[in-house]
Amino acid sequence: TLIPKEEMVGRTVVVKLVGTVPTRFEGNSYNIPVVVRVPQKYPSMQGGIPEIYVNPTPDMQIKQNHRNVDRNGLVYCQYLSGWEETKYLKELVMKVIEVFEGEPPVYAVARPRPA
């Protein structure tokens, strides 16, 4: 589930979608936390291409050397690299889900136990 939110960046209001995307991997279901930043010029090819970031919770870590997610959580996929003004956010999210189902971008980390 992705919920629209607004954020002020300087004097500009930026729309972002915040939440999780459902994935399945090796028979298990996971909800990957993400943020989709939608630029003001969306869907223009000039400064309007959306960005998706994996946004791990405190008990998650981004998988190192993931082929589609950099260490800052920025997601790369074929759908984005071939962006056209006729493409849609819904399709983008579906493509990202497919990528995550091939290789999850995060893994659980143990929380330290209180002493």
C-alpha atoms as a PDB file:
ATOM      1  CA  THR A   1       0.000   0.000   0.000  1.00  0.00           C
ATOM      2  CA  LEU A   2       1.385   3.372  -1.030  1.00  0.00           C
ATOM      3  CA  ILE A   3       0.035   6.562   0.503  1.00  0.00           C
ATOM      4  CA  PRO A   4       0.529   9.974  -1.170  1.00  0.00           C
ATOM      5  CA  LYS A   5       2.295  12.617   0.923  1.00  0.00           C
ATOM      6  CA  GLU A   6       3.609  16.091   0.229  1.00  0.00           C
ATOM      7  CA  GLU A   7       7.033  17.394   1.222  1.00  0.00           C
ATOM      8  CA  MET A   8       8.409  20.912   0.970  1.00  0.00           C
ATOM      9  CA  VAL A   9      11.782  21.081  -0.755  1.00  0.00           C
ATOM     10  CA  GLY A  10      12.750  24.741  -0.672  1.00  0.00           C
ATOM     11  CA  ARG A  11       9.682  26.484  -2.075  1.00  0.00           C
ATOM     12  CA  THR A  12       8.566  23.472  -4.059  1.00  0.00           C
ATOM     13  CA  VAL A  13       5.990  20.929  -2.993  1.00  0.00           C
ATOM     14  CA  VAL A  14       7.149  17.415  -3.887  1.00  0.00           C
ATOM     15  CA  VAL A  15       4.685  14.545  -3.999  1.00  0.00           C
ATOM     16  CA  LYS A  16       5.838  11.149  -2.828  1.00  0.00           C
ATOM     17  CA  LEU A  17       4.187   7.808  -2.306  1.00  0.00           C
ATOM     18  CA  VAL A  18       5.218   6.135   0.943  1.00  0.00           C
ATOM     19  CA  GLY A  19       4.478   2.606   2.068  1.00  0.00           C
ATOM     20  CA  THR A  20       5.198  -0.975   1.118  1.00  0.00           C
ATOM     21  CA  VAL A  21       5.042  -3.140  -1.960  1.00  0.00           C
ATOM     22  CA  PRO A  22       4.094  -6.812  -1.595  1.00  0.00           C
ATOM     23  CA  THR A  23       6.499  -9.446  -2.882  1.00  0.00           C
ATOM     24  CA  ARG A  24       6.888 -13.201  -2.753  1.00  0.00           C
ATOM     25  CA  PHE A  25      10.212 -14.974  -2.551  1.00  0.00           C
ATOM     26  CA  GLU A  26      10.773 -18.692  -2.112  1.00  0.00           C
ATOM     27  CA  GLY A  27       7.159 -19.189  -1.057  1.00  0.00           C
ATOM     28  CA  ASN A  28       7.130 -16.441   1.580  1.00  0.00           C
ATOM     29  CA  SER A  29       5.350 -13.073   1.445  1.00  0.00           C
ATOM     30  CA  TYR A  30       7.172  -9.849   2.270  1.00  0.00           C
ATOM     31  CA  ASN A  31       6.299  -6.161   2.321  1.00  0.00           C
ATOM     32  CA  ILE A  32       9.224  -4.072   1.096  1.00  0.00           C
ATOM     33  CA  PRO A  33       9.140  -0.471   2.391  1.00  0.00           C
ATOM     34  CA  VAL A  34       9.597   2.067  -0.395  1.00  0.00           C
ATOM     35  CA  VAL A  35       9.301   5.756  -1.211  1.00  0.00           C
ATOM     36  CA  VAL A  36       8.351   6.842  -4.739  1.00  0.00           C
ATOM     37  CA  ARG A  37       9.328  10.449  -5.453  1.00  0.00           C
ATOM     38  CA  VAL A  38       7.182  12.035  -8.131  1.00  0.00           C
ATOM     39  CA  PRO A  39       8.825  15.149  -9.623  1.00  0.00           C
ATOM     40  CA  GLN A  40       6.768  18.227 -10.459  1.00  0.00           C
ATOM     41  CA  LYS A  41       7.441  17.709 -14.158  1.00  0.00           C
ATOM     42  CA  TYR A  42       6.177  14.095 -14.112  1.00  0.00           C
ATOM     43  CA  PRO A  43       5.854  12.389 -16.579  1.00  0.00           C
ATOM     44  CA  SER A  44       8.159  14.560 -18.717  1.00  0.00           C
ATOM     45  CA  MET A  45      11.440  13.059 -19.924  1.00  0.00           C
ATOM     46  CA  GLN A  46      13.148  16.311 -18.864  1.00  0.00           C
ATOM     47  CA  GLY A  47      13.222  16.280 -15.073  1.00  0.00           C
ATOM     48  CA  GLY A  48      10.010  14.326 -14.625  1.00  0.00           C
ATOM     49  CA  ILE A  49      11.215  10.759 -14.218  1.00  0.00           C
ATOM     50  CA  PRO A  50      10.105   9.286 -10.872  1.00  0.00           C
ATOM     51  CA  GLU A  51      12.580   7.735  -8.441  1.00  0.00           C
ATOM     52  CA  ILE A  52      11.961   4.758  -6.183  1.00  0.00           C
ATOM     53  CA  TYR A  53      13.929   4.187  -2.999  1.00  0.00           C
ATOM     54  CA  VAL A  54      13.904   1.168  -0.727  1.00  0.00           C
ATOM     55  CA  ASN A  55      13.313   2.612   2.739  1.00  0.00           C
ATOM     56  CA  PRO A  56      14.387  -0.079   5.225  1.00  0.00           C
ATOM     57  CA  THR A  57      12.969  -0.165   8.729  1.00  0.00           C
ATOM     58  CA  PRO A  58      15.380  -0.240  11.712  1.00  0.00           C
ATOM     59  CA  ASP A  59      15.332  -4.053  11.657  1.00  0.00           C
ATOM     60  CA  MET A  60      16.219  -4.256   7.955  1.00  0.00           C
ATOM     61  CA  GLN A  61      19.317  -3.598   5.911  1.00  0.00           C
ATOM     62  CA  ILE A  62      19.760  -3.091   2.167  1.00  0.00           C
ATOM     63  CA  LYS A  63      21.429  -6.078   0.566  1.00  0.00           C
ATOM     64  CA  GLN A  64      24.951  -5.191  -0.546  1.00  0.00           C
ATOM     65  CA  ASN A  65      25.711  -5.531  -4.254  1.00  0.00           C
ATOM     66  CA  HIS A  66      22.055  -5.906  -5.191  1.00  0.00           C
ATOM     67  CA  ARG A  67      21.865  -5.672  -8.956  1.00  0.00           C
ATOM     68  CA  ASN A  68      18.875  -3.285  -8.910  1.00  0.00           C
ATOM     69  CA  VAL A  69      19.272  -1.301  -5.672  1.00  0.00           C
ATOM     70  CA  ASP A  70      22.270   0.823  -4.730  1.00  0.00           C
ATOM     71  CA  ARG A  71      23.563   1.243  -1.180  1.00  0.00           C
ATOM     72  CA  ASN A  72      21.389   4.355  -0.729  1.00  0.00           C
ATOM     73  CA  GLY A  73      18.268   2.415  -1.670  1.00  0.00           C
ATOM     74  CA  LEU A  74      17.798   3.912  -5.144  1.00  0.00           C
ATOM     75  CA  VAL A  75      16.094   1.355  -7.394  1.00  0.00           C
ATOM     76  CA  TYR A  76      17.240   0.791 -10.970  1.00  0.00           C
ATOM     77  CA  CYS A  77      15.180  -1.179 -13.474  1.00  0.00           C
ATOM     78  CA  GLN A  78      14.668  -1.493 -17.210  1.00  0.00           C
ATOM     79  CA  TYR A  79      11.268   0.226 -17.014  1.00  0.00           C
ATOM     80  CA  LEU A  80      12.855   3.374 -15.568  1.00  0.00           C
ATOM     81  CA  SER A  81      15.863   3.387 -17.863  1.00  0.00           C
ATOM     82  CA  GLY A  82      13.528   3.349 -20.860  1.00  0.00           C
ATOM     83  CA  TRP A  83      11.228   6.007 -19.411  1.00  0.00           C
ATOM     84  CA  GLU A  84       8.751   7.630 -21.789  1.00  0.00           C
ATOM     85  CA  GLU A  85       6.050  10.173 -21.060  1.00  0.00           C
ATOM     86  CA  THR A  86       3.412   7.539 -21.839  1.00  0.00           C
ATOM     87  CA  LYS A  87       4.467   5.311 -18.919  1.00  0.00           C
ATOM     88  CA  TYR A  88       2.556   5.091 -15.651  1.00  0.00           C
ATOM     89  CA  LEU A  89       3.458   4.910 -11.967  1.00  0.00           C
ATOM     90  CA  LYS A  90       1.285   1.826 -11.456  1.00  0.00           C
ATOM     91  CA  GLU A  91       3.225  -0.052 -14.148  1.00  0.00           C
ATOM     92  CA  LEU A  92       6.502   1.139 -12.620  1.00  0.00           C
ATOM     93  CA  VAL A  93       5.533  -0.238  -9.212  1.00  0.00           C
ATOM     94  CA  MET A  94       4.503  -3.563 -10.787  1.00  0.00           C
ATOM     95  CA  LYS A  95       7.884  -3.826 -12.534  1.00  0.00           C
ATOM     96  CA  VAL A  96       9.704  -3.077  -9.285  1.00  0.00           C
ATOM     97  CA  ILE A  97       7.703  -5.818  -7.550  1.00  0.00           C
ATOM     98  CA  GLU A  98       8.866  -8.242 -10.265  1.00  0.00           C
ATOM     99  CA  VAL A  99      12.481  -7.189  -9.661  1.00  0.00           C
ATOM    100  CA  PHE A 100      12.129  -7.661  -5.899  1.00  0.00           C
ATOM    101  CA  GLU A 101      10.555 -11.089  -6.354  1.00  0.00           C
ATOM    102  CA  GLY A 102      13.670 -12.187  -8.233  1.00  0.00           C
ATOM    103  CA  GLU A 103      15.983 -10.925  -5.492  1.00  0.00           C
ATOM    104  CA  PRO A 104      14.716  -9.150  -2.357  1.00  0.00           C
ATOM    105  CA  PRO A 105      16.569  -5.865  -1.755  1.00  0.00           C
ATOM    106  CA  VAL A 106      16.546  -6.073   2.054  1.00  0.00           C
ATOM    107  CA  TYR A 107      17.178  -8.614   4.772  1.00  0.00           C
ATOM    108  CA  ALA A 108      16.377  -8.744   8.463  1.00  0.00           C
ATOM    109  CA  VAL A 109      18.998  -7.797  11.016  1.00  0.00           C
ATOM    110  CA  ALA A 110      18.914  -8.800  14.650  1.00  0.00           C
ATOM    111  CA  ARG A 111      18.072  -6.068  17.099  1.00  0.00           C
ATOM    112  CA  PRO A 112      20.303  -5.883  20.154  1.00  0.00           C
ATOM    113  CA  ARG A 113      18.536  -7.150  23.239  1.00  0.00           C
ATOM    114  CA  PRO A 114      18.175  -4.738  26.134  1.00  0.00           C
ATOM    115  CA  ALA A 115      20.563  -5.477  28.999  1.00  0.00           C
END
